[in-house]
Protein backbone atom coordinates (compact mmCIF):
# COMPACT_ATOMS: atom_id res chain seq x y z
CA MET A 1 -30.29 47.75 27.41
CA ASN A 2 -30.11 50.01 24.34
CA LEU A 3 -30.81 48.70 20.86
CA GLY A 4 -26.88 49.34 20.09
CA ASN A 5 -25.87 47.12 22.85
CA TYR A 6 -28.35 44.44 22.07
CA ILE A 7 -27.00 44.33 18.57
CA ILE A 8 -23.41 43.95 19.64
CA ILE A 9 -24.26 41.09 22.25
CA LEU A 10 -26.50 39.20 19.59
CA ALA A 11 -23.62 39.54 17.27
CA LEU A 12 -21.17 38.05 19.92
CA ILE A 13 -23.42 35.28 20.65
CA LEU A 14 -23.87 34.50 17.01
CA GLY A 15 -20.19 34.57 16.28
CA LEU A 16 -19.64 32.10 19.13
CA SER A 17 -22.24 29.66 17.87
CA SER A 18 -20.69 29.83 14.51
CA CYS A 19 -17.35 28.89 15.91
CA LYS A 20 -18.85 26.18 17.76
CA GLU A 21 -20.58 24.81 14.69
CA LYS A 22 -17.08 25.27 12.66
CA LYS A 23 -15.14 23.16 15.25
CA LYS A 24 -17.93 20.55 15.52
CA THR A 25 -17.70 20.14 11.66
CA ASN A 26 -14.07 19.96 11.68
CA ILE A 27 -14.17 17.46 14.40
CA ASP A 28 -16.84 15.35 12.35
CA ILE A 29 -14.74 15.52 9.21
CA ASN A 30 -11.63 14.06 11.44
CA GLU A 31 -13.73 11.43 12.88
CA THR A 32 -15.17 10.59 9.54
CA VAL A 33 -11.46 10.15 8.12
CA GLU A 34 -10.53 8.21 11.20
CA ASN A 35 -13.49 5.93 10.97
CA VAL A 36 -12.97 5.21 7.34
CA SER A 37 -9.35 4.47 7.85
CA SER A 38 -9.78 2.25 11.00
CA ASN A 39 -11.63 -0.48 8.52
CA LEU A 40 -8.37 -0.54 6.34
CA GLU A 41 -5.18 -2.16 6.76
CA VAL A 42 -1.92 -2.61 4.66
CA ASP A 43 -1.96 -6.15 3.24
CA HIS A 44 0.97 -6.20 1.21
CA PHE A 45 3.30 -3.62 -0.86
CA ASN A 46 4.89 -3.94 -4.21
CA ILE A 47 7.70 -2.24 -6.09
CA TRP A 48 7.88 -2.16 -9.96
CA VAL A 49 11.55 -3.20 -11.21
CA GLU A 50 13.24 -3.51 -14.30
CA ASN A 51 15.50 -6.06 -13.11
CA PRO A 52 14.11 -8.51 -10.57
CA LYS A 53 17.08 -10.57 -10.52
CA LYS A 54 19.42 -7.67 -9.38
CA ALA A 55 16.72 -6.23 -7.09
CA LYS A 56 16.02 -9.60 -5.40
CA GLU A 57 19.91 -10.18 -4.99
CA LYS A 58 20.21 -6.96 -3.04
CA LEU A 59 17.52 -7.86 -0.68
CA ILE A 60 19.28 -11.32 -0.14
CA GLU A 61 22.63 -9.64 0.38
CA ILE A 62 21.49 -7.85 3.55
CA GLY A 63 19.88 -11.06 4.91
CA PHE A 64 16.32 -11.51 3.63
CA THR A 65 15.08 -14.85 2.56
CA SER A 66 13.00 -14.92 -0.70
CA VAL A 67 10.37 -17.34 -2.17
CA PRO A 68 12.01 -19.46 -4.69
CA ASP A 69 11.52 -18.34 -8.26
CA SER A 70 9.82 -21.56 -8.99
CA LEU A 71 7.15 -20.91 -6.54
CA SER A 72 6.54 -17.32 -7.35
CA GLN A 73 3.38 -16.33 -9.04
CA ILE A 74 2.85 -15.44 -12.61
CA HIS A 75 -0.04 -13.20 -13.06
CA GLU A 76 -1.56 -15.14 -16.03
CA GLY A 77 -3.50 -12.57 -18.43
CA GLN A 78 -1.97 -9.59 -16.72
CA GLY A 79 1.53 -9.98 -18.24
CA THR A 80 3.48 -9.40 -14.98
CA ALA A 81 5.12 -11.60 -12.44
CA GLY A 82 6.65 -11.21 -8.84
CA ARG A 83 9.34 -12.07 -6.53
CA TYR A 84 8.25 -12.30 -2.84
CA PHE A 85 9.57 -11.70 0.58
CA ASN A 86 7.16 -12.96 3.40
CA PHE A 87 6.91 -11.47 6.93
CA LEU A 88 4.77 -12.44 9.59
CA ASN A 89 2.42 -9.52 9.02
CA GLY A 90 2.71 -9.16 5.13
CA TYR A 91 4.87 -9.32 2.29
CA LEU A 92 6.97 -7.35 -0.37
CA GLU A 93 6.53 -8.28 -3.94
CA LEU A 94 8.95 -6.91 -6.70
CA ILE A 95 6.59 -6.91 -9.45
CA PHE A 96 7.86 -6.75 -13.14
CA VAL A 97 6.99 -7.19 -16.83
CA TYR A 98 6.79 -10.73 -17.77
CA ASP A 99 5.16 -10.54 -21.14
CA GLN A 100 5.03 -7.34 -22.76
CA SER A 101 2.51 -8.35 -25.44
CA GLU A 102 0.33 -9.77 -22.92
CA LEU A 103 0.58 -6.53 -20.64
CA GLU A 104 -0.28 -4.32 -23.72
CA GLU A 105 -3.20 -6.71 -24.38
CA ASN A 106 -4.55 -6.55 -20.86
CA ASN A 107 -4.23 -2.69 -21.12
CA LYS A 108 -6.56 -2.73 -23.93
CA LYS A 109 -9.24 -4.41 -21.88
CA ASN A 110 -8.71 -2.50 -18.69
CA LYS A 111 -8.13 0.92 -20.00
CA GLU A 112 -8.62 2.41 -16.56
CA LEU A 113 -5.82 0.40 -14.74
CA ASP A 114 -2.56 1.78 -14.47
CA PHE A 115 -0.07 -1.35 -15.30
CA VAL A 116 1.61 0.16 -18.15
CA GLU A 117 2.28 3.52 -16.67
CA ARG A 118 3.57 2.08 -13.55
CA ALA A 119 5.95 -0.32 -15.47
CA ASN A 120 7.36 2.42 -17.26
CA PHE A 121 8.11 4.44 -14.29
CA LYS A 122 11.55 5.20 -15.30
CA GLU A 123 10.55 6.95 -18.48
CA ASN A 124 7.47 8.90 -17.04
CA GLY A 125 8.43 9.52 -13.36
CA ALA A 126 5.50 7.50 -11.95
CA SER A 127 5.74 6.13 -8.41
CA PRO A 128 6.95 2.63 -8.74
CA PHE A 129 5.13 1.66 -5.39
CA SER A 130 1.85 -0.06 -4.97
CA ILE A 131 -0.04 -0.58 -1.69
CA ALA A 132 -2.48 -3.39 -1.35
CA LEU A 133 -5.10 -2.68 1.38
CA LYS A 134 -7.60 -4.99 3.01
CA ILE A 135 -10.82 -4.31 4.66
CA LYS A 136 -11.95 -5.59 8.07
CA ASP A 137 -15.23 -7.29 7.63
CA TYR A 138 -14.90 -7.14 3.74
CA LYS A 139 -17.71 -5.12 2.01
CA ILE A 140 -17.02 -3.37 -1.25
CA GLU A 141 -19.08 -0.33 0.08
CA LYS A 142 -16.49 0.16 2.54
CA ILE A 143 -13.72 1.27 0.11
CA PRO A 144 -13.30 4.92 0.79
CA PHE A 145 -12.38 6.31 -2.72
CA GLU A 146 -13.59 6.09 -6.21
CA LYS A 147 -12.74 2.63 -7.64
CA VAL A 148 -12.14 0.49 -10.76
CA ARG A 149 -13.38 -3.16 -10.63
CA TYR A 150 -10.55 -5.43 -11.87
CA HIS A 151 -10.84 -9.42 -12.75
CA GLN A 152 -8.00 -11.44 -14.05
CA ASP A 153 -7.55 -14.90 -15.28
CA TRP A 154 -5.50 -15.99 -12.17
CA MET A 155 -8.42 -14.88 -9.82
CA GLU A 156 -11.15 -17.03 -8.45
CA GLU A 157 -14.65 -16.62 -10.17
CA ASN A 158 -16.97 -14.02 -9.14
CA VAL A 159 -14.28 -11.94 -7.08
CA ASN A 160 -12.43 -8.77 -7.99
CA ILE A 161 -9.72 -6.57 -7.02
CA TYR A 162 -10.69 -2.81 -6.51
CA SER A 163 -8.03 -0.10 -7.76
CA ALA A 164 -8.27 3.26 -6.84
CA LYS A 165 -9.50 5.17 -10.01
CA ASN A 166 -6.98 8.15 -9.72
CA SER A 167 -4.00 5.79 -9.60
CA LYS A 168 -4.16 5.78 -13.40
CA THR A 169 -4.21 9.57 -13.35
CA ASN A 170 -2.25 10.74 -10.45
CA LEU A 171 0.99 8.69 -11.34
CA GLY A 172 3.00 10.78 -8.44
CA GLU A 173 0.77 8.74 -5.78
CA PRO A 174 1.54 5.17 -5.03
CA SER A 175 -0.80 2.84 -6.74
CA ILE A 176 -3.44 1.91 -4.32
CA PHE A 177 -5.80 -1.36 -4.50
CA VAL A 178 -8.00 -3.25 -2.40
CA VAL A 179 -7.64 -7.14 -2.17
CA TYR A 180 -10.45 -9.51 -1.69
CA PRO A 181 -10.40 -11.96 1.59
CA GLU A 182 -9.60 -14.96 -0.31
CA ILE A 183 -6.16 -13.59 -1.26
CA GLU A 184 -5.24 -11.52 1.78
CA SER A 185 -1.96 -12.49 3.32
CA ASP A 186 -1.67 -14.72 6.32
CA ARG A 187 -0.80 -13.29 9.59
CA PHE A 188 1.43 -14.73 12.47
CA GLU A 189 2.00 -13.29 15.71
CA THR A 190 5.55 -15.09 16.07
CA LEU A 191 7.69 -17.51 14.37
CA ALA A 192 6.17 -20.32 16.70
CA ASP A 193 2.77 -19.52 14.98
CA LEU A 194 4.19 -20.59 11.55
CA LYS A 195 3.38 -24.22 12.75
CA LYS A 196 -0.26 -23.24 11.78
CA ILE A 197 0.68 -23.58 8.21
CA PRO A 198 -0.53 -27.26 7.01
CA GLU A 199 2.06 -29.87 7.14
CA GLU A 200 1.73 -30.43 3.38
CA TYR A 201 2.97 -26.77 2.88
CA SER A 202 5.41 -26.84 5.47
CA ILE A 203 8.25 -25.80 3.05
CA TRP A 204 6.65 -22.19 3.27
CA ARG A 205 7.33 -21.93 7.04
CA GLU A 206 11.17 -21.35 6.08
CA PHE A 207 10.60 -18.35 3.81
CA PHE A 208 9.40 -16.41 6.88
CA LYS A 209 12.88 -16.76 8.61
CA HIS A 210 15.31 -14.17 7.62
CA PRO A 211 19.04 -14.29 8.70
CA ASN A 212 18.89 -10.62 9.45
CA GLY A 213 16.36 -11.32 12.09
CA ALA A 214 13.65 -9.37 10.43
CA LYS A 215 10.09 -10.44 11.67
CA LYS A 216 7.34 -8.11 11.43
CA ILE A 217 6.94 -4.61 9.23
CA THR A 218 6.17 -2.02 11.95
CA ASN A 219 6.19 1.14 9.86
CA ILE A 220 6.20 2.25 6.17
CA THR A 221 6.99 5.80 4.82
CA ILE A 222 6.64 6.39 1.09
CA THR A 223 7.79 9.50 -0.45
CA SER A 224 6.78 10.78 -3.82
CA SER A 225 7.48 13.77 -5.69
CA GLY A 226 4.55 15.95 -7.00
CA LEU A 227 2.19 14.28 -4.66
CA ASP A 228 -1.21 15.68 -3.87
CA LEU A 229 -2.01 15.08 -0.23
CA GLU A 230 -5.59 15.94 -0.45
CA THR A 231 -6.93 13.29 -2.84
CA GLU A 232 -9.52 10.88 -0.92
CA THR A 233 -7.25 7.92 -1.79
CA ILE A 234 -4.31 9.48 -0.09
CA LYS A 235 -6.14 10.77 3.02
CA ALA A 236 -7.52 7.27 3.52
CA VAL A 237 -4.23 5.73 3.19
CA ASN A 238 -2.69 8.15 5.60
CA GLY A 239 -5.23 7.52 8.26
CA ILE A 240 -4.05 3.87 8.23
CA GLU A 241 -1.84 2.98 11.59
CA ASN A 242 1.82 2.73 10.66
CA ILE A 243 1.91 4.09 7.10
CA THR A 244 2.73 7.43 5.86
CA VAL A 245 2.69 8.83 2.48
CA LYS A 246 4.28 12.17 2.10
CA ASN A 247 5.86 14.63 -0.41
CA GLY A 248 9.57 14.82 -1.28
CA THR A 249 12.06 15.16 -3.89
CA GLU A 250 12.23 11.53 -5.18
CA HIS A 251 10.40 8.30 -4.93
CA LEU A 252 11.47 6.48 -1.81
CA MET A 253 10.22 3.64 0.43
CA GLU A 254 11.45 3.38 3.97
CA LEU A 255 10.62 0.02 5.76
CA TYR A 256 10.82 -0.41 9.36
CA PHE A 257 10.97 -3.82 10.89
CA ASP A 258 10.29 -4.75 14.66
CA ASN A 259 10.35 -1.06 15.58
CA ASN A 260 14.14 -0.94 14.45
CA VAL A 261 15.05 -2.85 17.41
CA GLN A 262 18.40 -3.62 15.88
CA LYS A 263 19.12 0.15 15.05
CA LYS A 264 20.48 -0.86 11.68
CA SER A 265 20.05 0.81 8.20
CA PHE A 266 20.49 -0.35 4.80
CA ASP A 267 20.12 2.21 1.81
CA LEU A 268 19.49 0.06 -1.24
CA ARG A 269 19.68 2.80 -3.92
CA PRO A 270 20.21 2.82 -6.78
CA GLU A 271 19.05 -0.64 -7.52
CA LEU A 272 15.93 -0.33 -5.50
CA PRO A 273 14.56 3.02 -4.15
CA MET A 274 14.31 1.61 -0.76
CA ILE A 275 16.03 2.06 2.89
CA ILE A 276 15.74 -0.94 5.30
CA ASN A 277 15.65 -0.41 9.02
CA LEU A 278 16.20 -3.43 11.09
């Protein structure tokens, strides 16, 4: 074999090896993202609203049962409160400013959090959506993005919520945070399983039963404008089963219940940036 042919063959071998290594690297990256996201699940999700009464009524009109206001949580020290809709595998919270001065005071103490920016979504174009995640076999080091530790008066001692750091700076993204096990939402396979709720709290069983027949959230699609799909936060969220965050012309949440078995759809805009599929 002459020297010229040897060089050509050697170059081909090296080229093939390089392709194999590149392919292997790509597989490793994909596997890493998949493994990271397999530790994550959606616990619940929030929508910031300016008029909680009107937003809640819009959902009740299409057959959802709400938790009574008297039983709905005020986030002490945070300046916000919620209106809640429970489902067998999670819940929807309509979050709103309850005390403006408390909200602003909390912002001074927690400058890396995004409550003020999200509350002002109408003025600054921020996504009004938040996604609360939980981690299988909870460990803080499993959180796959840069995070901000947050503790507030309404939480138990020595526990914290961890918010994605870039939720403050990337307002086009949904706000992402990780809850600790003690506040994870309960999960039920069927309505019959609601009997697991202790008898002294039996009234809560009724808040999972909806006249429109909705039981489980089976898919969530969130559209945001000006979204960077390559941030580590969004890549981790998009690796979670049954949730998609994508770019679009407006902020919109599409919820699918029970795999859209009823083939019904309700567009709640403009009161809520949401489409419900039953």
